[in-house]
Amino acid sequence: MVKARVLSFGSLSSSLVRNQTQSFIDLVHREIPRLTCQLTVLPSTVDEEDKANQVFTAVSATEVEYLASLITSNQIHAVVMEVADLPLIPPEGMDILCAPPRFTPFDAYLNRQGHIMDEMDPGSRVGVLSNRSKFQMEHLWPDINFQIMHGGVDKAMETHMRHSEIDGLVLPAAATEHLGIQGIVAEIYEPGFILPGPGQGSLVVMGRSNDKETRKDLASLHCPATLVEIQAEMAFRRRMISDQDLPVGVLARVTGKEVTIEGSTGACVNRIMVNGPLAQYDDIGAGLAMQLMSSGDALADLLEAEFPDGLPPEDEEIDLGASEELDGEDDQPDELDAEIAALKDADDFSDPDEYHA
C-alpha cells in the first residue's frame, strides 16, 4: 500500500494567520481529498516590542525570516502568506508554490455602531494600517483623525474592539473575511474610491523553490491569473519603493489576454492606468512605476510621507527607498511562462469585477 503524503503547513499563533492557513487547508481537503494536511502552530520567536513598531498586515518582516528558516531547514513544507507582507525579493531558496484565487482586494471600514465614514463626528479617531490608506482617507475626510496602527491586524482589532481606543478601523476586506467579522463592516471601498496596496487580498503558499512535489500536488488550486496580477503589482512595488511604508496604491487585473494595472501615490488624485500582454506583466508594472516617478506630484507625495516633519538639512543625503535597478531577469517561478501561454489559449478566466476564494 502506498503511504499517503502529508503536507505540513506552519502557522503563527495569531488569529488572522491561523485562520488564513486553516481556510487553505480546508480548501485542499475539499478539492484534493487524496492529500492530507497537517497544521503546526508555531510560537513566534520575534520580540513583541520589535513587532509593535512594524507596519504589516498579518506577518511582520522578522517573522517572515523566521518562517523561511523553518521551510529551508525542512521542518515544514509550506506557509500561507499575505502577498502584502512578502519582502520585495523572496528569501533565498523560497518561492510561490501556489496562488489560489484572489479574495476581495478592497479596503473595508469597521465600526461597532455601524456608522459609515461620512457619519463619523469631526475629530473621530480611525485606525489604518499604512500610509497608503492614511493619505487617501485624509484627502476624502479631512476632519477625521486617521492613526497608523502598528503590530498588524490582530493588534489593531484588539485596540478597536477590546480597548475602544479608536472609533473605527480600516482593514483589508479579505482580512475581515478570514476573521469572520463581516458583521461589523460598515462599508467597502471600490478601487475607484480607495486604491488598495500591492498584493492586497491575495494569499500565496510559500515553500522551497525546488519543492516540485508540493507545487504539483497543489496545481489544481493554483490560479494563473491571480499570479500574473501579483507579479505585476510586485514589479510595480519593487520599482517604486523598498520596504518602507510609503503611500502607494496599485491594482492589477487580468481580463482576456491582457493585464491592466492602475497606480497612484499620496491622496490618489492623479492616477495612471496602463495595460498590455500577459507575458509583459513585469515590464508593465515597472513601467507604470516609472511613469509615476516622473511626476513632480508623485515625488512630493513620497517626500511628504518620508519626512512628515519637513525635509532634512541640505547637507544630509535623502533616500526615498527606491529599489536597486534590476537586471531585467524576472524572479517569477519557472512555470509562469507556461501558465501565461495556457491563459492565452483560454477564452476567459477572470472577471475583473468579482473576487472570491
Protein backbone atom coordinates (compact mmCIF):
# COMPACT_ATOMS: atom_id res chain seq x y z
CA MET A 1 0.00 0.00 0.00
CA VAL A 2 1.28 3.45 -0.97
CA LYS A 3 1.52 5.70 2.04
CA ALA A 4 -0.46 8.92 1.63
CA ARG A 5 1.66 12.06 1.60
CA VAL A 6 1.19 14.55 4.44
CA LEU A 7 1.77 18.23 3.71
CA SER A 8 2.89 20.15 6.78
CA PHE A 9 1.83 23.80 6.96
CA GLY A 10 3.32 26.11 9.55
CA SER A 11 1.34 28.98 11.03
CA LEU A 12 1.99 31.61 13.66
CA SER A 13 -0.48 31.65 16.53
CA SER A 14 -2.22 34.93 15.64
CA SER A 15 -5.90 34.62 14.78
CA LEU A 16 -5.57 36.03 11.27
CA VAL A 17 -2.60 33.89 10.20
CA ARG A 18 -4.07 30.73 11.70
CA ASN A 19 -7.47 31.31 10.05
CA GLN A 20 -5.87 32.03 6.67
CA THR A 21 -3.85 28.85 6.84
CA GLN A 22 -6.78 26.74 8.05
CA SER A 23 -9.01 28.08 5.26
CA PHE A 24 -6.48 26.96 2.67
CA ILE A 25 -6.10 23.56 4.32
CA ASP A 26 -9.90 23.19 4.26
CA LEU A 27 -9.82 24.02 0.55
CA VAL A 28 -7.18 21.35 -0.04
CA HIS A 29 -9.23 18.73 1.81
CA ARG A 30 -12.36 19.63 -0.20
CA GLU A 31 -10.75 19.76 -3.63
CA ILE A 32 -7.88 17.26 -3.27
CA PRO A 33 -9.11 14.60 -0.82
CA ARG A 34 -6.13 12.36 -1.57
CA LEU A 35 -3.89 14.88 0.21
CA THR A 36 -3.61 15.10 3.99
CA CYS A 37 -2.52 18.37 5.55
CA GLN A 38 -1.07 18.95 8.98
CA LEU A 39 -1.20 22.35 10.67
CA THR A 40 1.63 23.16 13.03
CA VAL A 41 1.08 26.27 15.15
CA LEU A 42 4.43 27.89 15.75
CA PRO A 43 5.37 30.16 18.64
CA SER A 44 6.85 33.36 17.28
CA THR A 45 10.45 33.90 18.30
CA VAL A 46 10.22 37.58 17.37
CA ASP A 47 10.43 40.15 20.13
CA GLU A 48 6.97 41.63 20.72
CA GLU A 49 8.42 45.13 21.07
CA ASP A 50 10.02 44.73 17.64
CA LYS A 51 6.68 43.69 16.10
CA ALA A 52 4.89 46.55 17.84
CA ASN A 53 6.98 49.03 15.88
CA GLN A 54 6.39 47.48 12.47
CA VAL A 55 3.67 48.15 9.92
CA PHE A 56 2.28 44.95 8.36
CA THR A 57 -0.96 43.05 7.79
CA ALA A 58 -0.53 39.55 9.23
CA VAL A 59 3.18 38.65 9.47
CA SER A 60 6.00 41.05 10.30
CA ALA A 61 9.24 41.22 8.31
CA THR A 62 11.20 39.49 11.05
CA GLU A 63 8.57 36.74 11.29
CA VAL A 64 8.85 36.15 7.53
CA GLU A 65 12.54 35.44 8.01
CA TYR A 66 11.73 33.06 10.87
CA LEU A 67 9.17 31.13 8.81
CA ALA A 68 11.54 30.98 5.85
CA SER A 69 14.21 29.39 8.05
CA LEU A 70 11.79 26.63 9.07
CA ILE A 71 10.95 25.89 5.44
CA THR A 72 14.51 25.88 4.12
CA SER A 73 15.57 23.63 7.01
CA ASN A 74 12.80 21.13 6.06
CA GLN A 75 10.95 21.47 9.37
CA ILE A 76 7.71 22.32 7.50
CA HIS A 77 6.69 22.15 3.83
CA ALA A 78 4.99 25.50 3.40
CA VAL A 79 3.30 28.55 4.87
CA VAL A 80 0.25 30.50 3.69
CA MET A 81 1.06 34.20 3.50
CA GLU A 82 -0.45 37.55 2.58
CA VAL A 83 1.25 38.87 -0.53
CA ALA A 84 1.16 42.32 1.08
CA ASP A 85 3.60 41.03 3.73
CA LEU A 86 6.07 39.42 1.32
CA PRO A 87 9.51 41.02 1.01
CA LEU A 88 10.33 42.56 -2.37
CA ILE A 89 12.62 39.64 -3.12
CA PRO A 90 11.62 36.24 -1.62
CA PRO A 91 14.00 34.81 0.99
CA GLU A 92 16.74 32.73 -0.58
CA GLY A 93 15.57 29.27 -1.51
CA MET A 94 11.84 30.15 -1.30
CA ASP A 95 9.22 30.69 -3.96
CA ILE A 96 5.47 30.85 -4.56
CA LEU A 97 4.24 27.28 -5.00
CA CYS A 98 0.54 28.07 -5.33
CA ALA A 99 -1.56 31.22 -5.73
CA PRO A 100 -5.25 30.45 -5.11
CA PRO A 101 -7.94 32.77 -6.48
CA ARG A 102 -7.80 36.26 -5.07
CA PHE A 103 -10.11 37.38 -2.30
CA THR A 104 -11.70 40.85 -2.28
CA PRO A 105 -8.74 43.23 -2.74
CA PHE A 106 -10.51 46.34 -1.44
CA ASP A 107 -10.45 48.20 1.88
CA ALA A 108 -13.23 47.87 4.46
CA TYR A 109 -14.31 50.19 7.26
CA LEU A 110 -15.23 48.64 10.62
CA ASN A 111 -17.39 50.46 13.12
CA ARG A 112 -19.10 48.99 16.18
CA GLN A 113 -22.13 51.27 15.79
CA GLY A 114 -22.48 50.60 12.07
CA HIS A 115 -21.64 54.18 11.06
CA ILE A 116 -20.07 54.79 7.66
CA MET A 117 -17.21 57.25 7.41
CA ASP A 118 -19.47 60.12 6.30
CA GLU A 119 -21.41 59.74 9.57
CA MET A 120 -18.38 60.00 11.86
CA ASP A 121 -18.04 63.10 14.06
CA PRO A 122 -15.19 65.52 13.27
CA GLY A 123 -12.11 64.55 15.24
CA SER A 124 -13.08 60.86 15.44
CA ARG A 125 -10.10 58.53 15.73
CA VAL A 126 -9.91 55.94 12.96
CA GLY A 127 -7.11 53.38 12.73
CA VAL A 128 -5.43 52.50 9.43
CA LEU A 129 -2.64 50.04 8.67
CA SER A 130 -0.47 52.07 6.29
CA ASN A 131 0.48 55.46 4.95
CA ARG A 132 -1.29 54.45 1.74
CA SER A 133 -4.72 54.33 3.33
CA LYS A 134 -3.93 57.26 5.65
CA PHE A 135 -3.11 59.63 2.79
CA GLN A 136 -6.15 58.61 0.73
CA MET A 137 -8.54 58.72 3.68
CA GLU A 138 -7.29 62.12 4.88
CA HIS A 139 -7.92 63.58 1.45
CA LEU A 140 -11.53 62.35 1.44
CA TRP A 141 -12.30 63.00 5.12
CA PRO A 142 -10.03 65.82 6.33
CA ASP A 143 -11.96 66.21 9.62
CA ILE A 144 -11.20 62.65 10.76
CA ASN A 145 -8.08 61.82 12.76
CA PHE A 146 -6.51 58.83 10.98
CA GLN A 147 -3.90 56.98 13.02
CA ILE A 148 -1.46 54.35 11.72
CA MET A 149 -1.73 51.15 13.74
CA HIS A 150 1.50 49.19 14.25
CA GLY A 151 1.63 45.49 15.04
CA GLY A 152 -0.71 44.11 12.36
CA VAL A 153 -4.41 43.35 12.08
CA ASP A 154 -4.67 41.38 15.32
CA LYS A 155 -3.22 44.23 17.37
CA ALA A 156 -5.42 46.76 15.59
CA MET A 157 -8.52 44.67 16.26
CA GLU A 158 -7.63 44.44 19.94
CA THR A 159 -7.21 48.21 20.11
CA HIS A 160 -10.57 48.77 18.44
CA MET A 161 -12.79 46.04 19.85
CA ARG A 162 -11.41 45.33 23.32
CA HIS A 163 -9.93 48.62 24.44
CA SER A 164 -12.06 51.05 22.38
CA GLU A 165 -9.06 53.33 21.94
CA ILE A 166 -10.21 54.22 18.42
CA ASP A 167 -13.66 54.89 16.99
CA GLY A 168 -13.26 52.88 13.79
CA LEU A 169 -10.78 50.80 11.83
CA VAL A 170 -9.88 50.42 8.16
CA LEU A 171 -8.71 46.90 7.23
CA PRO A 172 -8.29 44.88 4.04
CA ALA A 173 -11.72 43.41 3.31
CA ALA A 174 -10.11 39.98 2.89
CA ALA A 175 -8.87 40.11 6.49
CA THR A 176 -12.44 40.60 7.75
CA GLU A 177 -13.48 37.54 5.72
CA HIS A 178 -10.75 35.38 7.23
CA LEU A 179 -11.60 36.57 10.74
CA GLY A 180 -15.36 36.15 10.20
CA ILE A 181 -16.16 39.72 11.29
CA GLN A 182 -18.05 40.92 8.23
CA GLY A 183 -20.92 41.80 10.58
CA ILE A 184 -19.15 44.94 11.77
CA VAL A 185 -18.07 46.07 8.30
CA ALA A 186 -19.88 49.34 7.68
CA GLU A 187 -18.69 49.85 4.09
CA ILE A 188 -16.25 48.55 1.49
CA TYR A 189 -14.40 50.95 -0.80
CA GLU A 190 -14.20 50.24 -4.52
CA PRO A 191 -10.81 50.92 -6.15
CA GLY A 192 -12.22 53.95 -7.93
CA PHE A 193 -12.64 55.43 -4.46
CA ILE A 194 -9.72 53.98 -2.46
CA LEU A 195 -6.90 52.26 -4.36
CA PRO A 196 -5.61 49.18 -2.47
CA GLY A 197 -2.00 48.28 -1.74
CA PRO A 198 0.26 45.89 -3.70
CA GLY A 199 -0.88 42.29 -3.31
CA GLN A 200 -3.85 43.17 -1.12
CA GLY A 201 -6.42 40.37 -0.89
CA SER A 202 -4.04 37.72 -2.23
CA LEU A 203 -2.77 34.68 -0.37
CA VAL A 204 0.08 32.51 -1.61
CA VAL A 205 1.62 29.25 -0.49
CA MET A 206 5.34 29.78 0.03
CA GLY A 207 7.71 26.83 0.03
CA ARG A 208 11.13 25.70 -1.11
CA SER A 209 11.94 26.71 -4.68
CA ASN A 210 12.94 23.15 -5.57
CA ASP A 211 9.86 21.52 -3.99
CA LYS A 212 8.34 20.33 -7.25
CA GLU A 213 6.25 17.69 -5.49
CA THR A 214 4.27 20.20 -3.40
CA ARG A 215 3.89 22.51 -6.38
CA LYS A 216 2.45 19.61 -8.40
CA ASP A 217 0.20 18.49 -5.53
CA LEU A 218 -1.39 21.94 -5.28
CA ALA A 219 -1.54 22.65 -9.03
CA SER A 220 -5.32 22.25 -9.27
CA LEU A 221 -5.81 25.04 -6.69
CA HIS A 222 -3.46 27.42 -8.46
CA CYS A 223 -4.92 30.42 -10.34
CA PRO A 224 -2.53 31.64 -13.06
CA ALA A 225 -4.49 34.88 -13.49
CA THR A 226 -4.02 35.72 -9.82
CA LEU A 227 -0.29 35.04 -10.08
CA VAL A 228 0.03 37.41 -13.06
CA GLU A 229 -1.77 40.13 -11.07
CA ILE A 230 0.50 39.53 -8.09
CA GLN A 231 3.66 39.63 -10.21
CA ALA A 232 2.59 42.85 -11.97
CA GLU A 233 1.87 44.57 -8.66
CA MET A 234 5.12 43.34 -7.11
CA ALA A 235 7.07 44.60 -10.14
CA PHE A 236 5.43 47.99 -9.60
CA ARG A 237 6.28 47.88 -5.91
CA ARG A 238 9.91 46.88 -6.47
CA ARG A 239 10.49 49.79 -8.84
CA MET A 240 8.51 52.31 -6.78
CA ILE A 241 9.58 51.65 -3.18
CA SER A 242 11.67 49.45 -0.96
CA ASP A 243 10.34 48.03 2.30
CA GLN A 244 9.42 51.46 3.62
CA ASP A 245 5.79 52.33 4.28
CA LEU A 246 5.18 54.85 1.52
CA PRO A 247 1.74 55.99 0.26
CA VAL A 248 1.49 53.90 -2.90
CA GLY A 249 -1.68 52.27 -4.24
CA VAL A 250 -1.91 49.80 -7.11
CA LEU A 251 -4.28 47.19 -8.51
CA ALA A 252 -3.72 44.82 -11.44
CA ARG A 253 -6.50 42.89 -13.16
CA VAL A 254 -6.31 40.18 -15.79
CA THR A 255 -9.01 40.30 -18.45
CA GLY A 256 -8.94 38.17 -21.55
CA LYS A 257 -5.34 38.09 -22.78
CA GLU A 258 -4.24 41.36 -21.17
CA VAL A 259 -3.26 42.65 -17.76
CA THR A 260 -4.35 46.15 -16.74
CA ILE A 261 -2.70 47.90 -13.82
CA GLU A 262 -3.60 51.19 -12.15
CA GLY A 263 -1.38 53.04 -9.69
CA SER A 264 -1.04 56.26 -7.79
CA THR A 265 0.71 57.93 -4.87
CA GLY A 266 -0.39 60.08 -1.94
CA ALA A 267 -4.05 61.06 -1.95
CA CYS A 268 -4.56 59.06 -5.15
CA VAL A 269 -5.80 62.10 -7.05
CA ASN A 270 -3.51 61.60 -10.03
CA ARG A 271 -3.83 58.03 -11.26
CA ILE A 272 -2.22 56.28 -14.17
CA MET A 273 -3.57 53.14 -15.83
CA VAL A 274 -1.68 51.02 -18.36
CA ASN A 275 -2.24 47.64 -19.94
CA GLY A 276 -0.51 45.15 -22.15
CA PRO A 277 0.04 41.47 -22.99
CA LEU A 278 0.12 38.94 -20.16
CA ALA A 279 3.70 37.93 -20.80
CA GLN A 280 4.90 41.50 -20.25
CA TYR A 281 3.42 41.81 -16.75
CA ASP A 282 6.82 42.66 -15.22
CA ASP A 283 7.61 45.43 -17.70
CA ILE A 284 4.07 46.79 -17.42
CA GLY A 285 4.18 47.02 -13.63
CA ALA A 286 7.67 48.53 -13.55
CA GLY A 287 6.82 50.89 -16.40
CA LEU A 288 3.79 52.21 -14.53
CA ALA A 289 6.01 52.96 -11.52
CA MET A 290 8.46 54.84 -13.74
CA GLN A 291 5.65 56.93 -15.19
CA LEU A 292 4.50 57.87 -11.71
CA MET A 293 8.04 58.63 -10.55
CA SER A 294 8.46 61.08 -13.42
CA SER A 295 5.67 63.19 -11.93
CA GLY A 296 6.58 66.04 -9.59
CA ASP A 297 3.37 65.46 -7.64
CA ALA A 298 4.30 61.82 -7.01
CA LEU A 299 7.77 62.76 -5.77
CA ALA A 300 6.21 65.34 -3.46
CA ASP A 301 3.86 62.68 -2.07
CA LEU A 302 6.77 60.32 -1.32
CA LEU A 303 8.86 63.07 0.25
CA GLU A 304 5.94 64.13 2.45
CA ALA A 305 5.50 60.58 3.72
CA GLU A 306 9.21 60.03 4.25
CA PHE A 307 9.73 63.37 6.04
CA PRO A 308 6.42 64.33 7.75
CA ASP A 309 8.25 66.87 9.92
CA GLY A 310 9.97 68.57 6.99
CA LEU A 311 12.99 67.89 4.80
CA PRO A 312 16.37 67.26 6.44
CA PRO A 313 19.21 69.79 6.14
CA GLU A 314 20.63 70.23 2.65
CA ASP A 315 23.91 68.52 3.57
CA GLU A 316 22.07 65.35 4.62
CA GLU A 317 21.53 62.71 1.96
CA ILE A 318 17.90 61.98 1.06
CA ASP A 319 16.95 58.36 0.40
CA LEU A 320 13.45 57.72 -0.91
CA GLY A 321 13.95 53.98 -0.59
CA ALA A 322 13.86 53.39 -4.33
CA SER A 323 14.77 49.82 -5.10
CA GLU A 324 18.02 48.93 -6.79
CA GLU A 325 17.95 48.78 -10.56
CA LEU A 326 17.05 45.28 -11.64
CA ASP A 327 18.94 43.44 -14.32
CA GLY A 328 15.82 42.58 -16.25
CA GLU A 329 15.76 38.96 -15.13
CA ASP A 330 12.36 38.04 -13.74
CA ASP A 331 12.08 36.37 -10.33
CA GLN A 332 8.86 34.58 -11.25
CA PRO A 333 8.53 30.80 -10.93
CA ASP A 334 9.82 28.80 -13.90
CA GLU A 335 6.27 27.63 -14.56
CA LEU A 336 4.86 31.14 -15.05
CA ASP A 337 5.70 31.34 -18.76
CA ALA A 338 3.84 28.10 -19.35
CA GLU A 339 0.90 29.34 -17.30
CA ILE A 340 0.71 32.54 -19.34
CA ALA A 341 0.76 30.55 -22.55
CA ALA A 342 -2.13 28.44 -21.27
CA LEU A 343 -4.07 31.54 -20.27
CA LYS A 344 -3.67 33.00 -23.74
CA ASP A 345 -5.42 29.92 -25.12
CA ALA A 346 -8.33 30.26 -22.69
CA ASP A 347 -11.48 32.10 -23.71
CA ASP A 348 -11.99 33.84 -20.38
CA PHE A 349 -10.51 33.17 -16.99
CA SER A 350 -11.03 36.23 -14.85
CA ASP A 351 -13.91 38.57 -14.10
CA PRO A 352 -12.34 41.91 -13.05
CA ASP A 353 -15.39 42.87 -11.02
CA GLU A 354 -15.61 39.72 -8.91
CA TYR A 355 -13.12 38.33 -6.43
CA HIS A 356 -13.80 35.24 -4.41
CA ALA A 357 -11.99 32.40 -2.73
